[in-house]
């Protein structure tokens, strides 16, 4: 059993996030030592690592909870996992498309800038909307 600071270090999850996960019921409340400090098992640290990997992939907390529940289930449901991953991938692709449009817009605005101009075309375009 380890303290919250060590659980944080081993899992890569911040202390405040661990406390938040406990409040939200994502991870069970830990045992308490004689000094009333939280004590985490290796299994709890593993759950925290699992959640961190899900969050690093951009899954929402609700989706991460679902994936955790599916992982804990004796009958893993690959189709449900695939559906969640497909939805996440669609979100990522949409963001990439938006970023590509943003990149093009910035390149166009910058291309209109002429070094030494008193009036900046980019600022004029931004003002104009």
N, C-alpha and C. Protein backbone atom coordinates (compact mmCIF):
# COMPACT_ATOMS: atom_id res chain seq x y z
N UNK A 1 0.85 -1.17 0.00
CA UNK A 1 0.00 0.00 0.00
C UNK A 1 0.90 1.24 0.00
N UNK A 2 0.51 2.21 -0.82
CA UNK A 2 1.34 3.41 -0.96
C UNK A 2 0.48 4.66 -0.77
N UNK A 3 1.14 5.77 -0.47
CA UNK A 3 0.48 7.05 -0.26
C UNK A 3 0.10 7.67 -1.60
N UNK A 4 -0.74 8.69 -1.54
CA UNK A 4 -1.26 9.33 -2.75
C UNK A 4 -0.15 9.92 -3.62
N UNK A 5 0.87 10.49 -3.01
CA UNK A 5 1.96 11.07 -3.79
C UNK A 5 2.68 10.03 -4.63
N UNK A 6 2.91 8.87 -4.03
CA UNK A 6 3.57 7.79 -4.76
C UNK A 6 2.63 7.20 -5.81
N UNK A 7 1.35 7.09 -5.49
CA UNK A 7 0.37 6.62 -6.48
C UNK A 7 0.34 7.57 -7.67
N UNK A 8 0.44 8.86 -7.40
CA UNK A 8 0.47 9.86 -8.45
C UNK A 8 1.72 9.68 -9.31
N UNK A 9 2.85 9.51 -8.68
CA UNK A 9 4.10 9.35 -9.42
C UNK A 9 4.07 8.09 -10.27
N UNK A 10 3.60 6.98 -9.71
CA UNK A 10 3.60 5.72 -10.44
C UNK A 10 2.58 5.68 -11.58
N UNK A 11 1.49 6.39 -11.41
CA UNK A 11 0.44 6.36 -12.43
C UNK A 11 0.54 7.49 -13.44
N UNK A 12 1.21 8.58 -13.06
CA UNK A 12 1.27 9.74 -13.93
C UNK A 12 0.03 10.61 -13.83
N UNK A 13 -0.83 10.33 -12.85
CA UNK A 13 -2.06 11.09 -12.64
C UNK A 13 -1.83 12.04 -11.47
N UNK A 14 -2.17 13.30 -11.63
CA UNK A 14 -1.99 14.30 -10.58
C UNK A 14 -2.80 13.98 -9.34
N UNK A 15 -2.31 14.45 -8.21
CA UNK A 15 -2.96 14.20 -6.93
C UNK A 15 -4.39 14.72 -6.93
N UNK A 16 -4.59 15.94 -7.41
CA UNK A 16 -5.95 16.51 -7.43
C UNK A 16 -6.86 15.72 -8.36
N UNK A 17 -6.30 15.20 -9.45
CA UNK A 17 -7.10 14.39 -10.37
C UNK A 17 -7.49 13.08 -9.70
N UNK A 18 -6.58 12.49 -8.95
CA UNK A 18 -6.90 11.26 -8.21
C UNK A 18 -8.05 11.52 -7.25
N UNK A 19 -7.97 12.60 -6.53
CA UNK A 19 -9.04 12.95 -5.59
C UNK A 19 -10.37 13.18 -6.34
N UNK A 20 -10.29 13.84 -7.48
CA UNK A 20 -11.48 14.06 -8.31
C UNK A 20 -12.08 12.73 -8.74
N UNK A 21 -11.23 11.81 -9.24
CA UNK A 21 -11.71 10.49 -9.65
C UNK A 21 -12.40 9.76 -8.50
N UNK A 22 -11.87 9.93 -7.29
CA UNK A 22 -12.50 9.30 -6.12
C UNK A 22 -13.88 9.91 -5.87
N UNK A 23 -13.97 11.23 -5.90
CA UNK A 23 -15.25 11.91 -5.68
C UNK A 23 -16.29 11.50 -6.72
N UNK A 24 -15.84 11.33 -7.96
CA UNK A 24 -16.74 10.98 -9.06
C UNK A 24 -17.04 9.49 -9.11
N UNK A 25 -16.38 8.71 -8.27
CA UNK A 25 -16.63 7.27 -8.24
C UNK A 25 -15.95 6.51 -9.36
N UNK A 26 -15.00 7.15 -10.04
CA UNK A 26 -14.29 6.49 -11.13
C UNK A 26 -13.32 5.45 -10.56
N UNK A 27 -12.71 5.78 -9.46
CA UNK A 27 -11.88 4.83 -8.73
C UNK A 27 -12.45 4.74 -7.31
N UNK A 28 -12.37 3.55 -6.72
CA UNK A 28 -12.92 3.42 -5.36
C UNK A 28 -12.13 4.23 -4.35
N UNK A 29 -12.81 4.62 -3.31
CA UNK A 29 -12.13 5.34 -2.22
C UNK A 29 -11.09 4.41 -1.63
N UNK A 30 -9.89 4.91 -1.38
CA UNK A 30 -8.82 4.06 -0.86
C UNK A 30 -8.98 3.78 0.64
N UNK A 31 -8.24 2.79 1.06
CA UNK A 31 -8.16 2.51 2.50
C UNK A 31 -7.44 3.68 3.16
N UNK A 32 -7.59 3.79 4.45
CA UNK A 32 -6.92 4.85 5.21
C UNK A 32 -5.99 4.21 6.23
N UNK A 33 -4.82 4.81 6.37
CA UNK A 33 -3.86 4.35 7.36
C UNK A 33 -4.22 4.87 8.74
N UNK A 34 -3.43 4.48 9.72
CA UNK A 34 -3.66 4.93 11.10
C UNK A 34 -3.59 6.45 11.19
N UNK A 35 -2.81 7.06 10.31
CA UNK A 35 -2.67 8.52 10.29
C UNK A 35 -3.76 9.19 9.43
N UNK A 36 -4.72 8.39 8.96
CA UNK A 36 -5.84 8.83 8.14
C UNK A 36 -5.44 9.24 6.72
N UNK A 37 -4.25 8.88 6.31
CA UNK A 37 -3.83 9.16 4.93
C UNK A 37 -4.31 8.06 4.00
N UNK A 38 -4.59 8.47 2.77
CA UNK A 38 -5.03 7.51 1.77
C UNK A 38 -3.91 6.51 1.48
N UNK A 39 -4.31 5.26 1.29
CA UNK A 39 -3.36 4.21 0.94
C UNK A 39 -3.87 3.47 -0.30
N UNK A 40 -3.04 3.40 -1.32
CA UNK A 40 -3.43 2.82 -2.60
C UNK A 40 -2.76 1.48 -2.84
N UNK A 41 -3.53 0.57 -3.38
CA UNK A 41 -3.01 -0.74 -3.74
C UNK A 41 -2.41 -0.69 -5.14
N UNK A 42 -1.70 -1.73 -5.52
CA UNK A 42 -1.16 -1.83 -6.87
C UNK A 42 -2.30 -1.85 -7.89
N UNK A 43 -3.41 -2.48 -7.53
CA UNK A 43 -4.57 -2.53 -8.43
C UNK A 43 -5.13 -1.13 -8.66
N UNK A 44 -5.21 -0.34 -7.61
CA UNK A 44 -5.72 1.03 -7.74
C UNK A 44 -4.81 1.86 -8.64
N UNK A 45 -3.51 1.70 -8.47
CA UNK A 45 -2.55 2.43 -9.32
C UNK A 45 -2.70 1.97 -10.77
N UNK A 46 -2.94 0.69 -10.98
CA UNK A 46 -3.19 0.18 -12.33
C UNK A 46 -4.42 0.81 -12.96
N UNK A 47 -5.49 0.97 -12.17
CA UNK A 47 -6.71 1.63 -12.67
C UNK A 47 -6.42 3.08 -13.04
N UNK A 48 -5.62 3.74 -12.23
CA UNK A 48 -5.25 5.13 -12.53
C UNK A 48 -4.45 5.21 -13.82
N UNK A 49 -3.51 4.29 -14.03
CA UNK A 49 -2.73 4.27 -15.27
C UNK A 49 -3.65 4.05 -16.47
N UNK A 50 -4.60 3.13 -16.31
CA UNK A 50 -5.55 2.82 -17.38
C UNK A 50 -6.34 4.08 -17.75
N UNK A 51 -6.84 4.77 -16.73
CA UNK A 51 -7.59 6.01 -16.97
C UNK A 51 -6.72 7.05 -17.65
N UNK A 52 -5.48 7.15 -17.23
CA UNK A 52 -4.56 8.13 -17.84
C UNK A 52 -4.36 7.82 -19.32
N UNK A 53 -4.18 6.55 -19.66
CA UNK A 53 -4.01 6.18 -21.07
C UNK A 53 -5.27 6.55 -21.87
N UNK A 54 -6.43 6.28 -21.30
CA UNK A 54 -7.68 6.64 -21.99
C UNK A 54 -7.76 8.15 -22.21
N UNK A 55 -7.46 8.91 -21.17
CA UNK A 55 -7.53 10.37 -21.27
C UNK A 55 -6.47 10.90 -22.24
N UNK A 56 -5.28 10.28 -22.25
CA UNK A 56 -4.23 10.69 -23.18
C UNK A 56 -4.66 10.49 -24.64
N UNK A 57 -5.53 9.50 -24.86
CA UNK A 57 -6.06 9.27 -26.20
C UNK A 57 -7.23 10.18 -26.52
N UNK A 58 -7.60 11.03 -25.55
CA UNK A 58 -8.63 12.01 -25.78
C UNK A 58 -10.04 11.55 -25.46
N UNK A 59 -10.18 10.37 -24.84
CA UNK A 59 -11.51 9.92 -24.47
C UNK A 59 -12.03 10.79 -23.34
N UNK A 60 -13.31 11.08 -23.37
CA UNK A 60 -13.94 11.83 -22.29
C UNK A 60 -13.90 10.98 -21.02
N UNK A 61 -14.15 11.62 -19.89
CA UNK A 61 -14.16 10.87 -18.65
C UNK A 61 -15.27 9.82 -18.68
N UNK A 62 -16.42 10.16 -19.25
CA UNK A 62 -17.52 9.20 -19.35
C UNK A 62 -17.11 7.99 -20.20
N UNK A 63 -16.44 8.26 -21.33
CA UNK A 63 -15.97 7.16 -22.17
C UNK A 63 -14.89 6.34 -21.46
N UNK A 64 -14.01 7.02 -20.74
CA UNK A 64 -12.96 6.31 -20.00
C UNK A 64 -13.59 5.40 -18.94
N UNK A 65 -14.64 5.89 -18.28
CA UNK A 65 -15.35 5.06 -17.30
C UNK A 65 -15.97 3.84 -17.98
N UNK A 66 -16.55 4.06 -19.15
CA UNK A 66 -17.15 2.95 -19.90
C UNK A 66 -16.09 1.93 -20.29
N UNK A 67 -14.96 2.42 -20.79
CA UNK A 67 -13.88 1.51 -21.17
C UNK A 67 -13.34 0.74 -19.96
N UNK A 68 -13.25 1.42 -18.84
CA UNK A 68 -12.81 0.76 -17.62
C UNK A 68 -13.79 -0.33 -17.21
N UNK A 69 -15.08 -0.02 -17.29
CA UNK A 69 -16.10 -1.01 -16.94
C UNK A 69 -16.05 -2.20 -17.90
N UNK A 70 -15.87 -1.92 -19.19
CA UNK A 70 -15.76 -3.00 -20.17
C UNK A 70 -14.52 -3.84 -19.91
N UNK A 71 -13.45 -3.20 -19.51
CA UNK A 71 -12.21 -3.91 -19.21
C UNK A 71 -12.37 -4.80 -17.98
N UNK A 72 -13.15 -4.32 -17.01
CA UNK A 72 -13.38 -5.09 -15.77
C UNK A 72 -14.35 -6.24 -15.99
N UNK A 73 -15.15 -6.15 -17.04
CA UNK A 73 -16.19 -7.15 -17.29
C UNK A 73 -15.56 -8.49 -17.68
N UNK A 74 -16.21 -9.53 -17.28
CA UNK A 74 -15.74 -10.88 -17.65
C UNK A 74 -16.01 -11.15 -19.13
N UNK A 75 -16.96 -10.43 -19.69
CA UNK A 75 -17.29 -10.60 -21.10
C UNK A 75 -16.96 -9.30 -21.82
N UNK A 76 -15.71 -9.15 -22.21
CA UNK A 76 -15.30 -7.93 -22.90
C UNK A 76 -16.12 -7.77 -24.18
N UNK A 77 -16.57 -6.58 -24.44
CA UNK A 77 -17.42 -6.27 -25.58
C UNK A 77 -16.61 -5.47 -26.59
N UNK A 78 -15.96 -6.18 -27.49
CA UNK A 78 -15.09 -5.52 -28.48
C UNK A 78 -15.86 -4.55 -29.37
N UNK A 79 -17.10 -4.87 -29.68
CA UNK A 79 -17.88 -3.99 -30.55
C UNK A 79 -18.11 -2.64 -29.88
N UNK A 80 -18.42 -2.64 -28.59
CA UNK A 80 -18.63 -1.38 -27.86
C UNK A 80 -17.34 -0.57 -27.81
N UNK A 81 -16.23 -1.26 -27.60
CA UNK A 81 -14.93 -0.58 -27.57
C UNK A 81 -14.63 0.02 -28.94
N UNK A 82 -14.88 -0.76 -29.97
CA UNK A 82 -14.65 -0.30 -31.35
C UNK A 82 -15.52 0.92 -31.65
N UNK A 83 -16.78 0.89 -31.22
CA UNK A 83 -17.68 2.01 -31.47
C UNK A 83 -17.17 3.29 -30.78
N UNK A 84 -16.73 3.16 -29.54
CA UNK A 84 -16.17 4.32 -28.82
C UNK A 84 -14.93 4.85 -29.53
N UNK A 85 -14.06 3.93 -29.95
CA UNK A 85 -12.82 4.33 -30.64
C UNK A 85 -13.14 4.98 -31.99
N UNK A 86 -14.12 4.43 -32.70
CA UNK A 86 -14.49 5.00 -34.00
C UNK A 86 -15.03 6.42 -33.82
N UNK A 87 -15.86 6.62 -32.79
CA UNK A 87 -16.39 7.96 -32.52
C UNK A 87 -15.25 8.92 -32.18
N UNK A 88 -14.32 8.47 -31.38
CA UNK A 88 -13.18 9.32 -31.00
C UNK A 88 -12.35 9.66 -32.23
N UNK A 89 -12.12 8.67 -33.09
CA UNK A 89 -11.35 8.89 -34.31
C UNK A 89 -12.05 9.91 -35.21
N UNK A 90 -13.37 9.85 -35.29
CA UNK A 90 -14.12 10.84 -36.08
C UNK A 90 -13.91 12.24 -35.52
N UNK A 91 -13.92 12.36 -34.19
CA UNK A 91 -13.67 13.66 -33.55
C UNK A 91 -12.27 14.17 -33.87
N UNK A 92 -11.29 13.28 -33.82
CA UNK A 92 -9.90 13.65 -34.12
C UNK A 92 -9.78 14.12 -35.56
N UNK A 93 -10.39 13.38 -36.47
CA UNK A 93 -10.33 13.75 -37.89
C UNK A 93 -11.00 15.10 -38.14
N UNK A 94 -12.10 15.37 -37.46
CA UNK A 94 -12.78 16.66 -37.61
C UNK A 94 -11.88 17.79 -37.10
N UNK A 95 -11.21 17.55 -35.97
CA UNK A 95 -10.28 18.56 -35.44
C UNK A 95 -9.12 18.79 -36.39
N UNK A 96 -8.61 17.71 -36.98
CA UNK A 96 -7.51 17.85 -37.94
C UNK A 96 -7.95 18.68 -39.15
N UNK A 97 -9.18 18.45 -39.60
CA UNK A 97 -9.71 19.22 -40.73
C UNK A 97 -9.82 20.70 -40.35
N UNK A 98 -10.32 20.97 -39.15
CA UNK A 98 -10.43 22.34 -38.68
C UNK A 98 -9.05 22.99 -38.57
N UNK A 99 -8.08 22.25 -38.06
CA UNK A 99 -6.72 22.79 -37.95
C UNK A 99 -6.10 23.05 -39.32
N UNK A 100 -6.40 22.18 -40.27
CA UNK A 100 -5.90 22.39 -41.63
C UNK A 100 -6.48 23.67 -42.23
N UNK A 101 -7.78 23.90 -42.00
CA UNK A 101 -8.41 25.14 -42.49
C UNK A 101 -7.80 26.35 -41.80
N UNK A 102 -7.55 26.23 -40.51
CA UNK A 102 -6.93 27.32 -39.76
C UNK A 102 -5.53 27.61 -40.30
N UNK A 103 -4.78 26.55 -40.58
CA UNK A 103 -3.44 26.72 -41.13
C UNK A 103 -3.50 27.46 -42.47
N UNK A 104 -4.42 27.06 -43.33
CA UNK A 104 -4.55 27.70 -44.64
C UNK A 104 -4.92 29.17 -44.50
N UNK A 105 -5.82 29.46 -43.58
CA UNK A 105 -6.22 30.85 -43.37
C UNK A 105 -5.05 31.69 -42.89
N UNK A 106 -4.27 31.16 -41.96
CA UNK A 106 -3.11 31.91 -41.46
C UNK A 106 -2.06 32.09 -42.53
N UNK A 107 -1.82 31.06 -43.33
CA UNK A 107 -0.85 31.18 -44.42
C UNK A 107 -1.30 32.26 -45.41
N UNK A 108 -2.59 32.27 -45.73
CA UNK A 108 -3.12 33.28 -46.65
C UNK A 108 -2.97 34.69 -46.07
N UNK A 109 -3.32 34.84 -44.80
CA UNK A 109 -3.18 36.16 -44.17
C UNK A 109 -1.73 36.60 -44.15
N UNK A 110 -0.83 35.70 -43.83
CA UNK A 110 0.59 36.06 -43.76
C UNK A 110 1.15 36.37 -45.15
N UNK A 111 0.64 35.67 -46.16
CA UNK A 111 1.12 35.90 -47.53
C UNK A 111 0.79 37.31 -47.99
N UNK A 112 -0.27 37.88 -47.45
CA UNK A 112 -0.67 39.23 -47.83
C UNK A 112 0.17 40.30 -47.13
N UNK A 113 0.97 39.90 -46.19
CA UNK A 113 1.81 40.86 -45.47
C UNK A 113 3.04 41.20 -46.29
N UNK A 114 3.27 42.45 -46.45
CA UNK A 114 4.47 42.91 -47.14
C UNK A 114 5.35 43.60 -46.13
N UNK A 115 6.59 43.17 -46.07
CA UNK A 115 7.53 43.76 -45.11
C UNK A 115 7.72 45.23 -45.44
N UNK A 116 7.62 46.06 -44.42
CA UNK A 116 7.83 47.49 -44.60
C UNK A 116 6.56 48.28 -44.82
N UNK A 117 5.43 47.63 -45.00
CA UNK A 117 4.17 48.35 -45.15
C UNK A 117 3.82 49.06 -43.86
N UNK A 118 3.29 50.26 -44.01
CA UNK A 118 2.83 51.00 -42.83
C UNK A 118 1.50 50.40 -42.37
N UNK A 119 0.62 50.08 -43.28
CA UNK A 119 -0.67 49.48 -42.96
C UNK A 119 -0.56 47.98 -43.20
N UNK A 120 -0.87 47.22 -42.18
CA UNK A 120 -0.73 45.76 -42.26
C UNK A 120 -2.01 45.14 -42.83
N UNK A 121 -1.90 44.46 -43.98
CA UNK A 121 -3.08 43.84 -44.58
C UNK A 121 -3.73 42.78 -43.68
N UNK A 122 -2.93 42.09 -42.91
CA UNK A 122 -3.47 41.04 -42.03
C UNK A 122 -4.36 41.66 -40.96
N UNK A 123 -3.91 42.77 -40.36
CA UNK A 123 -4.70 43.43 -39.35
C UNK A 123 -5.98 44.01 -39.96
N UNK A 124 -5.88 44.53 -41.18
CA UNK A 124 -7.06 45.06 -41.86
C UNK A 124 -8.09 43.97 -42.09
N UNK A 125 -7.64 42.79 -42.53
CA UNK A 125 -8.54 41.67 -42.77
C UNK A 125 -9.19 41.20 -41.47
N UNK A 126 -8.39 41.19 -40.39
CA UNK A 126 -8.95 40.76 -39.09
C UNK A 126 -10.00 41.75 -38.60
N UNK A 127 -9.75 43.04 -38.81
CA UNK A 127 -10.73 44.05 -38.42
C UNK A 127 -12.01 43.92 -39.24
N UNK A 128 -11.86 43.60 -40.50
CA UNK A 128 -13.01 43.52 -41.41
C UNK A 128 -13.84 42.28 -41.14
N UNK A 129 -13.25 41.29 -40.48
CA UNK A 129 -14.01 40.08 -40.18
C UNK A 129 -13.86 39.07 -41.23
